[in-house]
Amino acid sequence: MRRARDVQSVRCGEQRRREIHLRLQRRGLQIANPLVMLIGIVKKNAIMQIDFALEAERRHDKTPTEAIYEGCLIRFRPIMMTTMAALLGAVPMALGFGAGGEGRRPLGLAVVGGLLVSQFIMLYLTPVVYTYMARLMPARRIVVRALPADAVSHA
């Protein structure tokens, strides 16, 4: 009797695993799209900060700390606008509105939570990593010079 119950519970466990596997296969693309979106937004925002800091270092002879600080201040609004647009777009999904909303709700919560956590980490971690990397690897100075007036007229 006990052995039959153990065999039956093993069969139920295997059946449940197969069912979960099939559900994940059907939702593979539905789960992958928001993850790609999250990675893309965070990557783009970090590149904007670092690109601005590198420009400030090269053109205005600022230290890496001053440059990334200025980059964070100036690029904060565009970064938050991008994040808020994605976040507000995911709120209805996180609240579970619409037909079949209860099935998409966990995904919406993951997107909203991922955006909040990733932006918090990006806004604090990117400047720290940039500063440490600048100390480890001194940047090569790229001097930006204007062409002489006579060189421009002959071209």
Foldseek 3Di string as FASTA:
>chain_A
DVVVVVVVVVVVVVVVVVVVVVVCVVCVVVLVVLVVVLVVLLVVLLCQLVVQLVCCCQPVVDDSLVSSVVSLVVSVVVSVVVLVVQLVVLVCLCVQDDVPSVVSNVSSVCSNVSSVVSVVCSSPVSSVVSNVVCVVDPDDHDHDDDDDPVVVVVD
